[in-house]
Protein backbone atom coordinates (compact mmCIF):
# COMPACT_ATOMS: atom_id res chain seq x y z
CA MET A 1 -3.39 -22.38 45.33
CA ARG A 2 -5.09 -25.90 44.77
CA ILE A 3 -8.79 -25.50 44.68
CA SER A 4 -10.68 -28.94 46.58
CA SER A 5 -13.74 -30.23 44.90
CA GLU A 6 -15.64 -29.87 47.39
CA SER A 7 -15.31 -25.79 47.56
CA PHE A 8 -15.66 -26.22 43.54
CA ALA A 9 -18.84 -27.83 43.97
CA ALA A 10 -19.97 -25.13 46.21
CA ALA A 11 -18.93 -22.35 44.25
CA LEU A 12 -20.98 -24.23 41.65
CA GLU A 13 -23.89 -24.47 43.81
CA ARG A 14 -23.80 -20.73 44.55
CA LEU A 15 -24.63 -19.56 40.70
CA PRO A 16 -28.28 -19.04 39.40
CA GLU A 17 -30.02 -22.35 38.15
CA PRO A 18 -29.98 -21.25 34.20
CA LEU A 19 -25.56 -21.15 34.76
CA ARG A 20 -25.23 -24.20 36.46
CA PRO A 21 -23.51 -27.12 34.54
CA LEU A 22 -25.77 -30.04 33.48
CA ASP A 23 -25.36 -33.57 34.35
CA GLN A 24 -26.34 -34.28 31.10
CA GLU A 25 -27.53 -32.14 28.03
CA PRO A 26 -30.80 -32.86 26.50
CA PRO A 27 -29.68 -34.81 22.91
CA ARG A 28 -31.95 -32.11 21.13
CA LEU A 29 -30.58 -29.08 22.59
CA ARG A 30 -26.95 -30.47 22.07
CA ARG A 31 -27.63 -31.29 17.98
CA ARG A 32 -28.69 -27.72 18.22
CA VAL A 33 -26.02 -25.99 19.68
CA ARG A 34 -23.24 -28.31 17.73
CA ARG A 35 -25.04 -27.12 14.48
CA PHE A 36 -25.08 -23.14 15.84
CA GLU A 37 -21.29 -23.63 16.65
CA ALA A 38 -20.65 -25.53 13.38
CA ALA A 39 -22.67 -22.82 11.35
CA ILE A 40 -20.63 -20.03 12.71
CA LEU A 41 -17.09 -21.45 12.88
CA VAL A 42 -18.01 -21.91 8.66
CA ILE A 43 -18.92 -18.44 8.47
CA ALA A 44 -15.37 -17.01 10.35
CA ALA A 45 -13.37 -19.21 7.77
CA VAL A 46 -15.00 -18.10 5.10
CA GLY A 47 -14.89 -14.56 5.78
CA LEU A 48 -11.69 -15.60 6.78
CA ALA A 49 -10.89 -17.29 3.20
CA VAL A 50 -11.87 -13.95 1.41
CA ALA A 51 -10.05 -11.48 3.53
CA THR A 52 -6.77 -13.48 3.16
CA ILE A 53 -7.86 -13.99 -1.35
CA HIS A 54 -8.20 -10.42 -1.92
CA ASP A 55 -5.20 -9.61 0.18
CA LEU A 56 -3.20 -11.23 -1.96
CA VAL A 57 -4.73 -10.74 -5.42
CA ARG A 58 -4.70 -6.45 -4.07
CA GLU A 59 -0.55 -7.57 -3.12
CA VAL A 60 0.19 -9.20 -6.68
CA ASN A 61 -2.00 -6.45 -9.05
CA LEU A 62 -0.14 -3.30 -6.68
CA GLY A 63 3.36 -5.52 -7.40
CA ILE A 64 2.52 -5.55 -11.14
CA ARG A 65 1.50 -2.17 -11.36
CA LEU A 66 5.01 -0.84 -9.77
CA HIS A 67 7.03 -2.94 -12.32
CA ALA A 68 4.89 -1.65 -15.35
CA ASP A 69 5.22 2.08 -13.23
CA LEU A 70 9.40 1.68 -13.60
CA VAL A 71 9.44 -0.09 -17.54
CA SER A 72 6.80 3.36 -18.25
CA TRP A 73 9.90 5.63 -16.83
CA GLU A 74 12.77 3.76 -18.72
CA ARG A 75 10.24 3.50 -22.16
CA ILE A 76 9.78 7.66 -21.85
CA THR A 77 12.99 8.90 -20.28
CA GLY A 78 14.93 6.76 -22.42
CA ALA A 79 17.24 5.96 -19.36
CA THR A 80 17.70 3.40 -17.18
CA TYR A 81 16.58 3.89 -13.53
CA HIS A 82 18.44 4.03 -10.62
CA ASN A 83 17.50 4.45 -7.12
CA PRO A 84 13.59 4.72 -7.65
CA LEU A 85 11.33 7.03 -5.46
CA ILE A 86 7.72 5.79 -5.59
CA GLU A 87 5.10 7.03 -4.23
CA GLN A 88 1.66 6.12 -3.89
CA ASP A 89 -1.77 7.63 -3.39
CA VAL A 90 -2.70 5.90 -0.23
CA LYS A 91 -4.81 8.51 1.16
CA HIS A 92 -7.21 8.39 -1.76
CA TYR A 93 -6.67 4.31 -3.12
CA THR A 94 -6.01 5.66 -6.46
CA THR A 95 -4.07 4.12 -8.86
CA LYS A 96 -2.01 7.37 -9.70
CA ASP A 97 1.63 6.89 -8.70
CA THR A 98 4.45 9.12 -8.83
CA VAL A 99 8.09 8.09 -10.08
CA CYS A 100 11.16 9.64 -9.75
CA ALA A 101 14.28 8.57 -10.36
CA ASP A 102 18.01 9.40 -11.24
CA THR A 103 19.00 8.45 -14.46
CA GLU A 104 22.75 8.14 -13.49
CA ASN A 105 23.87 5.61 -10.28
CA VAL A 106 24.68 8.41 -7.92
CA LYS A 107 22.54 10.73 -6.07
CA PRO A 108 24.72 13.38 -5.20
CA LYS A 109 23.66 17.07 -3.81
CA GLY A 110 22.13 18.78 -6.42
CA SER A 111 21.44 16.19 -9.22
CA THR A 112 18.19 15.74 -10.68
CA LEU A 113 15.67 13.24 -10.82
CA VAL A 114 12.84 12.86 -13.23
CA CYS A 115 9.32 12.45 -11.68
CA LEU A 116 6.59 10.94 -13.78
CA ILE A 117 2.61 10.86 -12.96
CA PHE A 118 1.01 7.69 -13.66
CA VAL A 119 -3.04 6.95 -13.80
CA GLY A 120 -5.47 4.31 -14.75
CA PRO A 121 -4.75 0.59 -15.92
CA VAL A 122 -1.53 -1.63 -16.66
CA ARG A 123 -1.96 -2.47 -20.58
CA HIS A 124 0.48 -4.35 -22.11
CA GLY A 125 2.68 -4.14 -18.98
CA LEU A 126 2.81 -0.26 -19.14
CA ARG A 127 0.78 2.45 -17.76
CA ARG A 128 -0.02 5.71 -18.93
CA ALA A 129 1.83 8.84 -17.70
CA VAL A 130 -0.13 12.16 -17.48
CA GLY A 131 2.42 14.50 -15.87
CA GLY A 132 5.88 14.93 -14.38
CA TYR A 133 8.51 17.06 -12.72
CA TYR A 134 11.94 17.61 -12.56
CA LEU A 135 13.57 16.91 -8.37
CA VAL A 136 16.71 18.43 -7.20
CA ALA A 137 17.91 15.59 -4.88
CA GLU A 138 19.20 17.03 -1.71
CA GLY A 139 21.06 13.98 0.07
CA THR A 140 24.40 13.50 -0.44
CA ASP A 141 24.47 9.69 -0.27
CA VAL A 142 22.66 6.89 -2.39
CA HIS A 143 20.87 5.60 0.66
CA GLU A 144 20.25 9.34 2.20
CA PRO A 145 15.77 9.92 1.31
CA VAL A 146 14.90 12.38 -1.12
CA LEU A 147 13.11 15.31 0.30
CA ASN A 148 9.65 15.65 -2.85
CA ASP A 149 9.03 18.62 -1.27
CA TYR A 150 6.85 21.47 -3.03
CA GLN A 151 10.11 23.91 -3.01
CA TYR A 152 12.67 21.18 -4.45
CA ARG A 153 10.00 20.09 -7.80
CA TYR A 154 10.29 22.79 -11.25
CA GLY A 155 9.87 22.67 -14.67
CA CYS A 156 6.16 20.76 -14.41
CA PHE A 157 4.22 19.79 -16.92
CA GLY A 158 0.95 17.58 -17.88
CA ARG A 159 -0.99 17.19 -14.90
CA ALA A 160 1.84 18.37 -12.77
CA ALA A 161 1.42 21.54 -14.39
CA THR A 162 -2.29 22.21 -13.74
CA GLU A 163 -1.80 20.74 -10.02
CA GLY A 164 0.53 22.94 -9.59
CA LEU A 165 3.11 20.86 -7.87
CA CYS A 166 6.55 22.79 -8.54
CA GLY A 167 7.69 25.64 -6.10
CA MET A 168 11.21 26.06 -7.43
CA PRO A 169 12.18 28.39 -10.33
CA THR A 170 14.48 26.29 -12.94
CA PRO A 171 17.69 26.42 -12.67
CA PRO A 172 20.30 27.76 -14.81
CA GLY A 173 21.14 25.09 -17.40
CA ALA A 174 19.28 22.18 -15.55
CA PRO A 175 17.03 19.74 -18.06
CA ASP A 176 12.95 21.40 -18.31
CA LYS A 177 11.62 19.89 -21.40
CA PRO A 178 8.13 18.36 -21.11
CA LEU A 179 8.46 14.17 -21.59
CA VAL A 180 4.66 13.84 -21.89
CA ARG A 181 1.83 16.26 -22.65
């Protein structure tokens, strides 16, 4: 639908006086409005730049922390990790991470994963483990998720023992020695 210039002009005439467009803006008002608009745009640009930089730094630090968790897990267990499962404390935004991994390349039903709890900053590419537990894998396939639930955990040590994270008795012949104090 096309609007004719006469009907458009008539619509503009019906507007209240302060809302009608001006034929010419007063020079002083124009400069003030432009300054105000420019200031708002600069503030918005600075805000977006700060948010972007903050997000990038957070992501880089998170990547460094998760890598340090995996390297620390290998150092403590003395094994190469396979199929790691990393849980982060996103509910409270702390640096507490739990890394569970298999010491073998497959995850058949009933195999045991070693889980360690890491806290604190990265120092020399490593993080401090404060506890952990053993986890019985319920999946039958490498690509099937592991259920890291209370009823599948046993052999808690360190912080995991004090927080009561284990709910399963140690299976006969299963590893259960504490890896950290």
